[in-house]
């Protein structure tokens, strides 16, 4: 065998090995990182983790962050992690959901990042359908159109009209803005997109509607948004959760107004196109009017 023939064969083997390695990397990379903040939800946590375990998307990781729980939540999480390596557990002192989600974004290794609340449930195809739709359009964000609100049996819940006025498939960012874009858990976000614009959750102090800080930044900068009706998020109205139990004190009311002022200033400093700026400010002033009407009456501020 001549030297040329030998080196040709060796080169061919190297190319085959490199191609095989590339294929393995591309087909075993994590497509979606799911961040689950956990704080004292032992009553519902197993239902949530069961729905994650049943996900049909293989290339997925579940980042479970215990935010200083004082119940059996951490023990439950450890049982799931012992049987399924996709579950990764992290612990911290109680810091609030904003800081917890931000830590999850930092830890995420996936192409996209999603969020699930630890007392909610998702359909088995949830992240597969979201990822496929996002991948189809190379979208910065993919969102579902089906959310079921429930208190007891999730199969008997009530459908919420999240996106009733848009066509399925693809949204521009202005349509996305004018829709119900507030909550974080009905979407996945390209991590590269979040890092590029330094999009993070609100951390300064706890608020009922702090999701709007993150979601407003997403709506401002997302160049492409895909939407699907093939997956379902089951949102539990938890009578013990923060939305149901937190009472609006006067101090919290004032902090809420400060929060909306901060949002308006963020938009003004973002140097967006005029049409976007006008729509954002209109949407936020509508929110402020609603906030004052809902909570300000108790303090004579209506």
Protein backbone atom coordinates (compact mmCIF):
# COMPACT_ATOMS: atom_id res chain seq x y z
CA UNK A 1 0.00 0.00 0.00
CA UNK A 2 1.46 3.35 -1.03
CA UNK A 3 1.84 6.26 1.32
CA UNK A 4 -0.73 8.33 -0.60
CA UNK A 5 -3.28 5.55 -0.34
CA UNK A 6 -2.58 5.12 3.38
CA UNK A 7 -3.03 8.82 4.11
CA UNK A 8 -6.17 8.94 1.97
CA UNK A 9 -7.69 6.10 3.99
CA UNK A 10 -6.63 7.73 7.25
CA UNK A 11 -8.16 11.03 6.16
CA UNK A 12 -11.38 9.26 5.20
CA UNK A 13 -11.60 7.61 8.62
CA UNK A 14 -10.96 10.96 10.32
CA UNK A 15 -13.73 12.62 8.31
CA UNK A 16 -16.17 9.81 9.19
CA UNK A 17 -15.29 10.05 12.89
CA UNK A 18 -15.60 13.84 12.87
CA UNK A 19 -18.97 13.62 11.12
CA UNK A 20 -20.19 11.02 13.60
CA UNK A 21 -19.04 13.16 16.52
CA UNK A 22 -20.76 16.24 15.08
CA UNK A 23 -23.96 14.25 14.59
CA UNK A 24 -23.84 13.02 18.18
CA UNK A 25 -23.27 16.51 19.52
CA UNK A 26 -26.05 18.03 17.41
CA UNK A 27 -28.54 15.31 18.29
CA UNK A 28 -27.74 15.08 22.00
CA UNK A 29 -27.44 18.76 22.83
CA UNK A 30 -30.01 20.11 25.22
CA UNK A 31 -32.78 21.78 23.27
CA UNK A 32 -34.80 23.15 26.21
CA UNK A 33 -33.81 23.97 29.79
CA UNK A 34 -36.85 24.09 32.09
CA UNK A 35 -36.47 26.28 35.18
CA UNK A 36 -38.73 25.38 38.12
CA UNK A 37 -38.55 27.63 41.21
CA UNK A 38 -39.77 25.68 44.24
CA UNK A 39 -40.93 27.10 47.54
CA UNK A 40 -43.13 25.12 49.94
CA UNK A 41 -45.26 23.36 47.32
CA UNK A 42 -45.04 19.80 48.68
CA UNK A 43 -48.81 19.39 48.25
CA UNK A 44 -48.66 19.78 44.46
CA UNK A 45 -45.01 19.25 43.54
CA UNK A 46 -45.25 15.55 42.61
CA UNK A 47 -47.99 16.29 40.07
CA UNK A 48 -45.80 18.96 38.50
CA UNK A 49 -42.69 16.76 38.37
CA UNK A 50 -44.68 13.81 37.00
CA UNK A 51 -45.79 15.98 34.08
CA UNK A 52 -42.17 17.02 33.47
CA UNK A 53 -40.98 13.42 33.60
CA UNK A 54 -43.48 12.48 30.87
CA UNK A 55 -42.18 15.06 28.38
CA UNK A 56 -41.78 13.63 24.88
CA UNK A 57 -38.83 15.90 24.08
CA UNK A 58 -35.72 13.86 24.84
CA UNK A 59 -33.08 16.59 24.75
CA UNK A 60 -34.28 18.43 27.84
CA UNK A 61 -33.11 19.29 31.35
CA UNK A 62 -35.13 20.27 34.41
CA UNK A 63 -33.47 22.84 36.67
CA UNK A 64 -35.20 22.58 40.04
CA UNK A 65 -34.21 25.39 42.41
CA UNK A 66 -35.36 25.10 46.01
CA UNK A 67 -35.80 28.64 47.30
CA UNK A 68 -35.37 27.87 51.00
CA UNK A 69 -38.43 25.63 51.42
CA UNK A 70 -39.34 24.65 54.97
CA UNK A 71 -41.58 21.72 54.01
CA UNK A 72 -40.79 18.41 52.25
CA UNK A 73 -40.34 19.95 48.78
CA UNK A 74 -36.58 19.34 48.64
CA UNK A 75 -36.99 15.69 49.67
CA UNK A 76 -39.55 15.18 46.89
CA UNK A 77 -37.22 16.76 44.34
CA UNK A 78 -34.35 14.50 45.40
CA UNK A 79 -36.49 11.39 44.88
CA UNK A 80 -37.15 12.39 41.27
CA UNK A 81 -33.52 13.30 40.64
CA UNK A 82 -32.37 9.91 41.94
CA UNK A 83 -34.41 8.14 39.23
CA UNK A 84 -34.03 10.59 36.35
CA UNK A 85 -30.78 12.39 35.55
CA UNK A 86 -32.64 15.10 33.62
CA UNK A 87 -33.64 16.56 37.00
CA UNK A 88 -30.91 18.81 38.41
CA UNK A 89 -31.35 20.20 41.92
CA UNK A 90 -30.00 23.45 43.32
CA UNK A 91 -30.67 25.01 46.71
CA UNK A 92 -30.48 28.56 48.06
CA UNK A 93 -31.69 30.73 50.90
CA UNK A 94 -35.08 32.26 50.26
CA UNK A 95 -34.54 34.96 47.63
CA UNK A 96 -37.85 35.28 45.77
CA UNK A 97 -39.01 33.99 42.42
CA UNK A 98 -37.23 36.69 40.35
CA UNK A 99 -33.75 35.88 41.63
CA UNK A 100 -34.52 32.17 41.43
CA UNK A 101 -35.53 32.37 37.77
CA UNK A 102 -32.47 34.48 36.99
CA UNK A 103 -30.25 31.83 38.54
CA UNK A 104 -32.01 29.24 36.41
CA UNK A 105 -31.30 31.24 33.23
CA UNK A 106 -27.63 31.39 34.22
CA UNK A 107 -27.49 27.62 34.84
CA UNK A 108 -29.40 26.67 31.68
CA UNK A 109 -27.45 24.74 29.05
CA UNK A 110 -30.27 24.50 26.52
CA UNK A 111 -30.83 26.31 23.25
CA UNK A 112 -34.13 27.58 24.68
CA UNK A 113 -35.23 28.31 28.25
CA UNK A 114 -38.73 27.70 29.64
CA UNK A 115 -40.36 28.16 33.04
CA UNK A 116 -42.89 26.05 34.94
CA UNK A 117 -44.38 26.96 38.31
CA UNK A 118 -44.01 24.13 40.81
CA UNK A 119 -47.75 23.78 41.44
CA UNK A 120 -48.75 23.64 37.76
CA UNK A 121 -48.97 20.82 35.18
CA UNK A 122 -48.10 20.61 31.50
CA UNK A 123 -49.19 18.26 28.71
CA UNK A 124 -46.69 15.49 27.76
CA UNK A 125 -45.92 17.10 24.38
CA UNK A 126 -45.60 20.61 25.82
CA UNK A 127 -41.93 21.36 25.26
CA UNK A 128 -41.62 19.24 22.12
CA UNK A 129 -44.35 21.23 20.38
CA UNK A 130 -42.99 24.56 21.58
CA UNK A 131 -39.46 23.70 20.53
CA UNK A 132 -40.53 22.41 17.10
CA UNK A 133 -42.50 25.59 16.43
CA UNK A 134 -39.63 27.78 17.60
CA UNK A 135 -37.17 25.81 15.48
CA UNK A 136 -39.47 26.00 12.43
CA UNK A 137 -39.36 29.82 12.45
CA UNK A 138 -35.97 30.23 14.17
CA UNK A 139 -37.98 32.31 16.62
CA UNK A 140 -36.67 34.26 19.58
CA UNK A 141 -39.81 33.21 21.46
CA UNK A 142 -42.44 30.50 21.09
CA UNK A 143 -45.76 30.70 22.95
CA UNK A 144 -48.77 28.45 23.44
CA UNK A 145 -52.39 29.44 22.92
CA UNK A 146 -53.94 26.89 25.30
CA UNK A 147 -53.98 27.55 29.05
CA UNK A 148 -56.37 25.73 31.39
CA UNK A 149 -57.05 27.26 34.81
CA UNK A 150 -58.01 24.77 37.52
CA UNK A 151 -58.24 24.35 41.29
CA UNK A 152 -58.91 20.64 41.87
CA UNK A 153 -58.94 18.21 38.94
CA UNK A 154 -56.92 19.72 36.10
CA UNK A 155 -59.08 17.86 33.56
CA UNK A 156 -62.09 19.90 34.70
CA UNK A 157 -60.44 23.30 34.41
CA UNK A 158 -61.53 26.37 32.46
CA UNK A 159 -59.79 27.46 29.28
CA UNK A 160 -58.32 30.96 29.40
CA UNK A 161 -58.45 33.08 26.21
CA UNK A 162 -54.72 33.83 26.03
CA UNK A 163 -54.42 34.54 22.28
CA UNK A 164 -57.99 34.79 20.95
CA UNK A 165 -57.36 37.33 18.17
CA UNK A 166 -54.26 36.07 16.37
CA UNK A 167 -53.59 33.49 13.71
CA UNK A 168 -51.55 30.47 14.71
CA UNK A 169 -48.05 30.17 13.35
CA UNK A 170 -46.11 33.42 13.45
CA UNK A 171 -46.51 36.76 15.22
CA UNK A 172 -44.64 39.99 14.77
CA UNK A 173 -43.50 41.68 17.96
CA UNK A 174 -46.23 44.33 17.87
CA UNK A 175 -48.96 41.68 17.76
CA UNK A 176 -47.13 39.92 20.57
CA UNK A 177 -47.04 43.13 22.59
CA UNK A 178 -50.75 43.77 22.22
CA UNK A 179 -51.58 40.20 23.25
CA UNK A 180 -51.55 38.81 26.75
CA UNK A 181 -47.75 38.64 27.06
CA UNK A 182 -47.45 39.12 30.84
CA UNK A 183 -46.76 35.67 32.24
CA UNK A 184 -43.45 33.87 31.72
CA UNK A 185 -44.56 30.25 31.95
CA UNK A 186 -46.46 29.90 28.66
CA UNK A 187 -43.39 30.45 26.46
CA UNK A 188 -39.86 29.33 25.68
CA UNK A 189 -37.10 31.83 24.96
CA UNK A 190 -33.93 31.43 22.92
CA UNK A 191 -31.13 31.73 25.50
CA UNK A 192 -28.90 33.55 23.02
CA UNK A 193 -31.66 36.17 22.68
CA UNK A 194 -31.97 36.60 26.47
CA UNK A 195 -28.21 37.04 26.83
CA UNK A 196 -27.91 39.45 23.89
CA UNK A 197 -30.35 41.92 25.43
CA UNK A 198 -29.55 41.09 29.08
CA UNK A 199 -33.17 40.18 29.74
CA UNK A 200 -33.65 39.25 33.39
CA UNK A 201 -36.45 39.00 35.93
CA UNK A 202 -37.34 41.70 38.44
CA UNK A 203 -35.36 41.29 41.68
CA UNK A 204 -35.65 44.54 43.64
CA UNK A 205 -38.65 43.56 45.77
CA UNK A 206 -41.53 41.10 45.63
CA UNK A 207 -44.56 42.11 43.58
CA UNK A 208 -47.72 40.38 42.42
CA UNK A 209 -47.10 41.26 38.76
CA UNK A 210 -43.30 41.17 38.56
CA UNK A 211 -43.48 38.90 35.47
CA UNK A 212 -44.24 42.02 33.46
CA UNK A 213 -40.66 43.30 33.84
CA UNK A 214 -39.25 40.25 32.06
CA UNK A 215 -42.09 39.95 29.55
CA UNK A 216 -41.97 43.63 28.59
CA UNK A 217 -38.28 43.32 27.71
CA UNK A 218 -39.03 40.19 25.68
CA UNK A 219 -41.79 41.99 23.77
CA UNK A 220 -39.55 44.99 23.14
CA UNK A 221 -36.68 43.06 21.60
CA UNK A 222 -38.11 39.86 20.11
CA UNK A 223 -37.80 39.95 16.33
CA UNK A 224 -39.81 36.76 15.81
CA UNK A 225 -42.49 35.01 17.87
CA UNK A 226 -44.02 31.64 17.00
CA UNK A 227 -47.31 30.37 18.41
CA UNK A 228 -48.80 26.88 18.70
CA UNK A 229 -52.11 25.41 19.84
CA UNK A 230 -50.76 21.86 20.12
CA UNK A 231 -49.63 22.03 23.76
CA UNK A 232 -51.45 22.82 27.00
CA UNK A 233 -50.35 24.50 30.21
CA UNK A 234 -52.53 23.73 33.24
CA UNK A 235 -52.39 26.74 35.55
CA UNK A 236 -53.40 25.95 39.12
CA UNK A 237 -55.21 28.64 41.04
CA UNK A 238 -53.55 27.85 44.34
CA UNK A 239 -55.44 29.35 47.31
CA UNK A 240 -52.18 29.14 49.26
CA UNK A 241 -50.08 30.75 46.50
CA UNK A 242 -48.69 34.27 46.44
CA UNK A 243 -51.34 35.61 44.03
CA UNK A 244 -54.16 34.51 46.33
CA UNK A 245 -52.60 35.19 49.74
CA UNK A 246 -50.67 38.43 49.39
CA UNK A 247 -52.69 41.44 50.61
CA UNK A 248 -51.91 44.78 49.03
CA UNK A 249 -50.62 47.08 51.78
CA UNK A 250 -50.19 50.78 51.12
CA UNK A 251 -46.43 50.34 50.95
CA UNK A 252 -46.83 47.55 48.38
CA UNK A 253 -49.26 49.69 46.42
CA UNK A 254 -46.70 52.51 46.24
CA UNK A 255 -44.00 50.02 45.20
CA UNK A 256 -46.34 48.81 42.47
CA UNK A 257 -46.59 52.35 41.11
CA UNK A 258 -42.79 52.70 41.32
CA UNK A 259 -42.50 49.44 39.38
CA UNK A 260 -44.67 50.75 36.54
CA UNK A 261 -42.72 54.03 36.50
CA UNK A 262 -39.52 51.98 36.16
CA UNK A 263 -41.09 50.09 33.24
CA UNK A 264 -41.99 53.32 31.46
CA UNK A 265 -38.47 54.69 31.96
CA UNK A 266 -36.98 51.45 30.65
CA UNK A 267 -39.06 51.77 27.48
CA UNK A 268 -38.10 55.42 26.99
CA UNK A 269 -34.42 54.54 27.32
CA UNK A 270 -34.62 51.59 24.91
CA UNK A 271 -34.63 53.82 21.80
CA UNK A 272 -37.34 51.81 20.08
CA UNK A 273 -39.14 52.78 16.91
CA UNK A 274 -41.89 55.33 17.42
CA UNK A 275 -44.72 52.86 16.77
CA UNK A 276 -43.36 50.43 19.33
CA UNK A 277 -42.84 53.16 21.94
CA UNK A 278 -46.38 54.49 21.53
CA UNK A 279 -47.90 50.99 21.82
CA UNK A 280 -45.80 50.11 24.84
CA UNK A 281 -46.67 53.31 26.66
CA UNK A 282 -50.36 52.90 25.79
CA UNK A 283 -50.35 49.35 27.13
CA UNK A 284 -48.57 50.36 30.32
CA UNK A 285 -50.84 53.33 31.01
CA UNK A 286 -53.81 50.99 30.61
CA UNK A 287 -52.16 48.68 33.15
CA UNK A 288 -51.58 51.56 35.55
CA UNK A 289 -55.22 52.64 35.29
CA UNK A 290 -56.29 49.06 36.02
CA UNK A 291 -53.83 48.82 38.94
CA UNK A 292 -55.13 52.04 40.51
CA UNK A 293 -58.76 51.04 39.98
CA UNK A 294 -58.19 47.60 41.50
CA UNK A 295 -56.02 48.52 44.49
CA UNK A 296 -55.97 52.34 44.82
CA UNK A 297 -59.58 52.71 45.93
CA UNK A 298 -58.66 51.50 49.44
CA UNK A 299 -56.25 54.42 49.77
CA UNK A 300 -58.32 57.07 48.01
CA UNK A 301 -56.12 56.95 44.90
CA UNK A 302 -58.52 56.31 42.01
